[in-house]
Amino acid sequence: MSLNGVSGVSNTNTTTNYATTAAAEKNSTESKGYGKDAAAVYEPSAESKTAKSNSALVAKLKADQQNRLTQMQNLVKDMFQKQGKAFSTSDQMWKMLANGDFTVDPETAKAAKEAISDDGYWGVNQTSQRIFDFAQALSGGDEKKMDEMLEAFKKGFGQATKAWGKSLPDISQRTYDSVLEKFEDYKKSLTTETE
């Protein structure tokens, strides 16, 4: 097989174009700090950049959630300690709350009401959005993984109900419904995009 049959290619143009391209690539790799002798340069794809930003978002959500949870637990612990009540596990704390065997001072009641108001950090809107955002970040937008996230959410809600010892308060059920609605809207948006 011979390359003589290839027409329209000039050795001069090929050499010039190659030299220009090679020089541009060399300058590009050197300007990025890769060094003069870089044989291959890894350039992250958009997908790996998304994975990094998703992992950063997940870490941020986890840290924020832990901080807020600690604040809420401290609020409840302080309330119980003022009443001379003690518990050794968080499950015991939640069961004591569920039983309603406590009194609340005005400051604690005000802080709790603000926290669980519709737009408060623990309210329906923000909590359901955080749950959905967390699921979306973990799934990377993969539809099948989003289904897994939804099932994990439902399982977690069941475990929370069990730890509570009876049906969760109304705010929890409204949050659950809001999360389901966000997942349904997400699925509908995928269907709309494919059509």
C-alpha atoms as a PDB file:
ATOM      1  CA  MET A   1       0.000   0.000   0.000  1.00  0.00           C
ATOM      2  CA  SER A   2       1.367   3.370  -0.946  1.00  0.00           C
ATOM      3  CA  LEU A   3       0.625   6.905   0.226  1.00  0.00           C
ATOM      4  CA  ASN A   4       1.463   8.321  -3.179  1.00  0.00           C
ATOM      5  CA  GLY A   5      -2.210   8.359  -4.069  1.00  0.00           C
ATOM      6  CA  VAL A   6      -3.022  10.915  -1.397  1.00  0.00           C
ATOM      7  CA  SER A   7      -3.540  14.231  -3.101  1.00  0.00           C
ATOM      8  CA  GLY A   8      -3.738  17.779  -1.913  1.00  0.00           C
ATOM      9  CA  VAL A   9      -1.156  17.459   0.879  1.00  0.00           C
ATOM     10  CA  SER A  10       2.066  19.340   0.644  1.00  0.00           C
ATOM     11  CA  ASN A  11       5.095  18.364   2.699  1.00  0.00           C
ATOM     12  CA  THR A  12       5.864  22.023   3.347  1.00  0.00           C
ATOM     13  CA  ASN A  13       2.390  22.768   4.721  1.00  0.00           C
ATOM     14  CA  THR A  14       2.360  19.661   6.860  1.00  0.00           C
ATOM     15  CA  THR A  15       5.751  20.447   8.370  1.00  0.00           C
ATOM     16  CA  THR A  16       4.860  24.088   8.963  1.00  0.00           C
ATOM     17  CA  ASN A  17       1.490  23.253  10.531  1.00  0.00           C
ATOM     18  CA  TYR A  18       3.049  20.577  12.715  1.00  0.00           C
ATOM     19  CA  ALA A  19       5.825  22.891  13.856  1.00  0.00           C
ATOM     20  CA  THR A  20       3.339  25.669  14.651  1.00  0.00           C
ATOM     21  CA  THR A  21       1.054  23.280  16.545  1.00  0.00           C
ATOM     22  CA  ALA A  22       3.934  21.719  18.479  1.00  0.00           C
ATOM     23  CA  ALA A  23       5.251  25.146  19.487  1.00  0.00           C
ATOM     24  CA  ALA A  24       1.790  26.222  20.641  1.00  0.00           C
ATOM     25  CA  GLU A  25       1.361  23.034  22.676  1.00  0.00           C
ATOM     26  CA  LYS A  26       4.822  23.458  24.216  1.00  0.00           C
ATOM     27  CA  ASN A  27       4.042  27.039  25.233  1.00  0.00           C
ATOM     28  CA  SER A  28       0.669  25.950  26.591  1.00  0.00           C
ATOM     29  CA  THR A  29       2.119  23.162  28.746  1.00  0.00           C
ATOM     30  CA  GLU A  30       4.964  25.357  29.987  1.00  0.00           C
ATOM     31  CA  SER A  31       2.612  28.211  30.859  1.00  0.00           C
ATOM     32  CA  LYS A  32       0.518  25.793  32.904  1.00  0.00           C
ATOM     33  CA  GLY A  33       3.605  24.718  34.831  1.00  0.00           C
ATOM     34  CA  TYR A  34       3.896  21.232  33.350  1.00  0.00           C
ATOM     35  CA  GLY A  35       7.539  21.587  32.338  1.00  0.00           C
ATOM     36  CA  LYS A  36       9.363  21.372  29.044  1.00  0.00           C
ATOM     37  CA  ASP A  37       9.519  17.589  28.839  1.00  0.00           C
ATOM     38  CA  ALA A  38       5.865  16.744  29.481  1.00  0.00           C
ATOM     39  CA  ALA A  39       5.086  13.716  27.339  1.00  0.00           C
ATOM     40  CA  ALA A  40       1.409  13.801  28.130  1.00  0.00           C
ATOM     41  CA  VAL A  41      -0.682  16.293  30.006  1.00  0.00           C
ATOM     42  CA  TYR A  42      -3.850  15.328  31.818  1.00  0.00           C
ATOM     43  CA  GLU A  43      -6.603  17.843  31.265  1.00  0.00           C
ATOM     44  CA  PRO A  44      -9.612  17.072  33.483  1.00  0.00           C
ATOM     45  CA  SER A  45     -12.845  16.622  31.617  1.00  0.00           C
ATOM     46  CA  ALA A  46     -15.975  18.565  32.403  1.00  0.00           C
ATOM     47  CA  GLU A  47     -17.288  15.406  34.095  1.00  0.00           C
ATOM     48  CA  SER A  48     -14.388  15.233  36.560  1.00  0.00           C
ATOM     49  CA  LYS A  49     -14.773  18.951  37.289  1.00  0.00           C
ATOM     50  CA  THR A  50     -18.457  18.311  38.034  1.00  0.00           C
ATOM     51  CA  ALA A  51     -17.532  15.436  40.327  1.00  0.00           C
ATOM     52  CA  LYS A  52     -15.119  17.720  42.199  1.00  0.00           C
ATOM     53  CA  SER A  53     -17.713  20.462  42.524  1.00  0.00           C
ATOM     54  CA  ASN A  54     -20.304  17.878  43.639  1.00  0.00           C
ATOM     55  CA  SER A  55     -17.946  16.502  46.266  1.00  0.00           C
ATOM     56  CA  ALA A  56     -17.273  20.051  47.463  1.00  0.00           C
ATOM     57  CA  LEU A  57     -21.017  20.685  47.648  1.00  0.00           C
ATOM     58  CA  VAL A  58     -21.575  17.413  49.518  1.00  0.00           C
ATOM     59  CA  ALA A  59     -18.833  18.299  52.006  1.00  0.00           C
ATOM     60  CA  LYS A  60     -20.315  21.764  52.497  1.00  0.00           C
ATOM     61  CA  LEU A  61     -23.818  20.357  53.001  1.00  0.00           C
ATOM     62  CA  LYS A  62     -22.540  17.777  55.487  1.00  0.00           C
ATOM     63  CA  ALA A  63     -20.597  20.360  57.483  1.00  0.00           C
ATOM     64  CA  ASP A  64     -23.513  22.779  57.566  1.00  0.00           C
ATOM     65  CA  GLN A  65     -25.927  20.023  58.537  1.00  0.00           C
ATOM     66  CA  GLN A  66     -23.670  18.809  61.341  1.00  0.00           C
ATOM     67  CA  ASN A  67     -23.225  22.341  62.660  1.00  0.00           C
ATOM     68  CA  ARG A  68     -26.970  23.023  62.675  1.00  0.00           C
ATOM     69  CA  LEU A  69     -27.756  19.627  64.184  1.00  0.00           C
ATOM     70  CA  THR A  70     -25.292  20.265  66.991  1.00  0.00           C
ATOM     71  CA  GLN A  71     -26.916  23.657  67.623  1.00  0.00           C
ATOM     72  CA  MET A  72     -30.374  22.086  67.816  1.00  0.00           C
ATOM     73  CA  GLN A  73     -29.188  19.257  70.066  1.00  0.00           C
ATOM     74  CA  ASN A  74     -27.507  21.759  72.384  1.00  0.00           C
ATOM     75  CA  LEU A  75     -30.730  23.760  72.546  1.00  0.00           C
ATOM     76  CA  VAL A  76     -32.668  20.645  73.545  1.00  0.00           C
ATOM     77  CA  LYS A  77     -29.968  19.437  75.978  1.00  0.00           C
ATOM     78  CA  ASP A  78     -29.908  22.823  77.707  1.00  0.00           C
ATOM     79  CA  MET A  79     -33.685  22.728  78.015  1.00  0.00           C
ATOM     80  CA  PHE A  80     -33.603  19.239  79.551  1.00  0.00           C
ATOM     81  CA  GLN A  81     -30.699  20.077  81.870  1.00  0.00           C
ATOM     82  CA  LYS A  82     -32.605  23.074  83.236  1.00  0.00           C
ATOM     83  CA  GLN A  83     -35.354  20.611  84.126  1.00  0.00           C
ATOM     84  CA  GLY A  84     -32.958  18.143  85.738  1.00  0.00           C
ATOM     85  CA  LYS A  85     -33.490  15.495  83.040  1.00  0.00           C
ATOM     86  CA  ALA A  86     -30.643  13.485  81.585  1.00  0.00           C
ATOM     87  CA  PHE A  87     -30.249  11.038  78.723  1.00  0.00           C
ATOM     88  CA  SER A  88     -27.340   8.943  77.534  1.00  0.00           C
ATOM     89  CA  THR A  89     -28.192   8.639  73.832  1.00  0.00           C
ATOM     90  CA  SER A  90     -29.764  10.893  71.233  1.00  0.00           C
ATOM     91  CA  ASP A  91     -32.498   8.255  70.749  1.00  0.00           C
ATOM     92  CA  GLN A  92     -33.513   8.774  74.370  1.00  0.00           C
ATOM     93  CA  MET A  93     -33.583  12.519  73.785  1.00  0.00           C
ATOM     94  CA  TRP A  94     -35.901  12.166  70.782  1.00  0.00           C
ATOM     95  CA  LYS A  95     -38.199   9.800  72.680  1.00  0.00           C
ATOM     96  CA  MET A  96     -38.410  12.250  75.576  1.00  0.00           C
ATOM     97  CA  LEU A  97     -39.365  14.959  73.096  1.00  0.00           C
ATOM     98  CA  ALA A  98     -41.948  12.690  71.481  1.00  0.00           C
ATOM     99  CA  ASN A  99     -43.540  11.973  74.855  1.00  0.00           C
ATOM    100  CA  GLY A 100     -43.856  15.703  75.563  1.00  0.00           C
ATOM    101  CA  ASP A 101     -42.649  15.227  79.121  1.00  0.00           C
ATOM    102  CA  PHE A 102     -40.917  18.622  79.380  1.00  0.00           C
ATOM    103  CA  THR A 103     -41.512  22.324  79.700  1.00  0.00           C
ATOM    104  CA  VAL A 104     -39.998  25.022  77.519  1.00  0.00           C
ATOM    105  CA  ASP A 105     -38.777  28.433  78.623  1.00  0.00           C
ATOM    106  CA  PRO A 106     -39.793  31.408  76.436  1.00  0.00           C
ATOM    107  CA  GLU A 107     -36.325  31.912  74.899  1.00  0.00           C
ATOM    108  CA  THR A 108     -36.041  28.276  73.830  1.00  0.00           C
ATOM    109  CA  ALA A 109     -39.604  28.273  72.509  1.00  0.00           C
ATOM    110  CA  LYS A 110     -38.905  31.387  70.432  1.00  0.00           C
ATOM    111  CA  ALA A 111     -35.665  29.950  68.980  1.00  0.00           C
ATOM    112  CA  ALA A 112     -37.381  26.649  68.157  1.00  0.00           C
ATOM    113  CA  LYS A 113     -40.357  28.369  66.505  1.00  0.00           C
ATOM    114  CA  GLU A 114     -38.020  30.432  64.319  1.00  0.00           C
ATOM    115  CA  ALA A 115     -36.016  27.338  63.387  1.00  0.00           C
ATOM    116  CA  ILE A 116     -39.090  25.355  62.293  1.00  0.00           C
ATOM    117  CA  SER A 117     -41.029  28.202  60.677  1.00  0.00           C
ATOM    118  CA  ASP A 118     -41.858  27.643  56.997  1.00  0.00           C
ATOM    119  CA  ASP A 119     -38.654  29.396  55.906  1.00  0.00           C
ATOM    120  CA  GLY A 120     -36.561  28.553  58.979  1.00  0.00           C
ATOM    121  CA  TYR A 121     -33.514  26.318  58.697  1.00  0.00           C
ATOM    122  CA  TRP A 122     -35.451  23.288  60.010  1.00  0.00           C
ATOM    123  CA  GLY A 123     -38.691  24.332  58.278  1.00  0.00           C
ATOM    124  CA  VAL A 124     -40.314  22.433  55.425  1.00  0.00           C
ATOM    125  CA  ASN A 125     -38.913  24.555  52.580  1.00  0.00           C
ATOM    126  CA  GLN A 126     -35.240  24.654  53.525  1.00  0.00           C
ATOM    127  CA  THR A 127     -35.075  21.114  54.867  1.00  0.00           C
ATOM    128  CA  SER A 128     -36.722  19.522  51.838  1.00  0.00           C
ATOM    129  CA  GLN A 129     -34.490  21.560  49.505  1.00  0.00           C
ATOM    130  CA  ARG A 130     -31.346  20.510  51.406  1.00  0.00           C
ATOM    131  CA  ILE A 131     -32.355  16.859  51.231  1.00  0.00           C
ATOM    132  CA  PHE A 132     -33.009  17.091  47.495  1.00  0.00           C
ATOM    133  CA  ASP A 133     -29.795  19.073  46.816  1.00  0.00           C
ATOM    134  CA  PHE A 134     -27.794  16.527  48.784  1.00  0.00           C
ATOM    135  CA  ALA A 135     -29.323  13.646  46.806  1.00  0.00           C
ATOM    136  CA  GLN A 136     -28.663  15.422  43.526  1.00  0.00           C
ATOM    137  CA  ALA A 137     -25.055  16.160  44.462  1.00  0.00           C
ATOM    138  CA  LEU A 138     -24.413  12.566  45.524  1.00  0.00           C
ATOM    139  CA  SER A 139     -26.010  11.155  42.380  1.00  0.00           C
ATOM    140  CA  GLY A 140     -24.204  13.499  40.024  1.00  0.00           C
ATOM    141  CA  GLY A 141     -27.526  13.901  38.222  1.00  0.00           C
ATOM    142  CA  ASP A 142     -27.657  10.199  37.253  1.00  0.00           C
ATOM    143  CA  GLU A 143     -31.345   9.248  37.013  1.00  0.00           C
ATOM    144  CA  LYS A 144     -30.889   5.717  38.380  1.00  0.00           C
ATOM    145  CA  LYS A 145     -28.841   6.990  41.301  1.00  0.00           C
ATOM    146  CA  MET A 146     -31.523   9.589  42.003  1.00  0.00           C
ATOM    147  CA  ASP A 147     -33.999   6.704  42.298  1.00  0.00           C
ATOM    148  CA  GLU A 148     -31.628   5.088  44.800  1.00  0.00           C
ATOM    149  CA  MET A 149     -31.404   8.374  46.709  1.00  0.00           C
ATOM    150  CA  LEU A 150     -35.198   8.553  46.886  1.00  0.00           C
ATOM    151  CA  GLU A 151     -35.381   5.018  48.271  1.00  0.00           C
ATOM    152  CA  ALA A 152     -32.653   5.830  50.795  1.00  0.00           C
ATOM    153  CA  PHE A 153     -34.619   8.915  51.877  1.00  0.00           C
ATOM    154  CA  LYS A 154     -37.776   6.854  52.363  1.00  0.00           C
ATOM    155  CA  LYS A 155     -35.835   4.254  54.359  1.00  0.00           C
ATOM    156  CA  GLY A 156     -34.275   6.971  56.523  1.00  0.00           C
ATOM    157  CA  PHE A 157     -37.681   8.502  57.173  1.00  0.00           C
ATOM    158  CA  GLY A 158     -38.906   5.106  58.337  1.00  0.00           C
ATOM    159  CA  GLN A 159     -35.907   4.759  60.654  1.00  0.00           C
ATOM    160  CA  ALA A 160     -36.533   8.240  62.079  1.00  0.00           C
ATOM    161  CA  THR A 161     -40.158   7.322  62.731  1.00  0.00           C
ATOM    162  CA  LYS A 162     -39.026   4.173  64.545  1.00  0.00           C
ATOM    163  CA  ALA A 163     -36.508   6.136  66.642  1.00  0.00           C
ATOM    164  CA  TRP A 164     -39.225   8.663  67.514  1.00  0.00           C
ATOM    165  CA  GLY A 165     -41.390   5.813  68.759  1.00  0.00           C
ATOM    166  CA  LYS A 166     -44.593   6.880  67.023  1.00  0.00           C
ATOM    167  CA  SER A 167     -45.721   8.949  64.042  1.00  0.00           C
ATOM    168  CA  LEU A 168     -43.465  11.918  63.464  1.00  0.00           C
ATOM    169  CA  PRO A 169     -44.838  15.440  63.970  1.00  0.00           C
ATOM    170  CA  ASP A 170     -46.791  17.117  61.180  1.00  0.00           C
ATOM    171  CA  ILE A 171     -43.790  19.210  60.093  1.00  0.00           C
ATOM    172  CA  SER A 172     -41.874  16.003  59.368  1.00  0.00           C
ATOM    173  CA  GLN A 173     -44.682  14.598  57.230  1.00  0.00           C
ATOM    174  CA  ARG A 174     -44.977  17.883  55.302  1.00  0.00           C
ATOM    175  CA  THR A 175     -41.217  17.836  54.739  1.00  0.00           C
ATOM    176  CA  TYR A 176     -41.444  14.231  53.515  1.00  0.00           C
ATOM    177  CA  ASP A 177     -44.203  15.214  51.078  1.00  0.00           C
ATOM    178  CA  SER A 178     -42.188  18.209  49.864  1.00  0.00           C
ATOM    179  CA  VAL A 179     -39.129  16.018  49.216  1.00  0.00           C
ATOM    180  CA  LEU A 180     -41.264  13.544  47.228  1.00  0.00           C
ATOM    181  CA  GLU A 181     -42.643  16.452  45.214  1.00  0.00           C
ATOM    182  CA  LYS A 182     -39.121  17.686  44.406  1.00  0.00           C
ATOM    183  CA  PHE A 183     -38.132  14.208  43.193  1.00  0.00           C
ATOM    184  CA  GLU A 184     -41.310  14.000  41.063  1.00  0.00           C
ATOM    185  CA  ASP A 185     -40.603  17.425  39.541  1.00  0.00           C
ATOM    186  CA  TYR A 186     -37.050  16.293  38.801  1.00  0.00           C
ATOM    187  CA  LYS A 187     -38.333  13.177  36.992  1.00  0.00           C
ATOM    188  CA  LYS A 188     -40.844  15.260  35.030  1.00  0.00           C
ATOM    189  CA  SER A 189     -38.075  17.631  33.958  1.00  0.00           C
ATOM    190  CA  LEU A 190     -36.078  14.661  32.605  1.00  0.00           C
ATOM    191  CA  THR A 191     -39.090  13.458  30.637  1.00  0.00           C
ATOM    192  CA  THR A 192     -39.616  16.954  29.229  1.00  0.00           C
ATOM    193  CA  GLU A 193     -35.942  17.234  28.214  1.00  0.00           C
ATOM    194  CA  THR A 194     -36.021  13.944  26.278  1.00  0.00           C
ATOM    195  CA  GLU A 195     -39.177  14.836  24.366  1.00  0.00           C
END
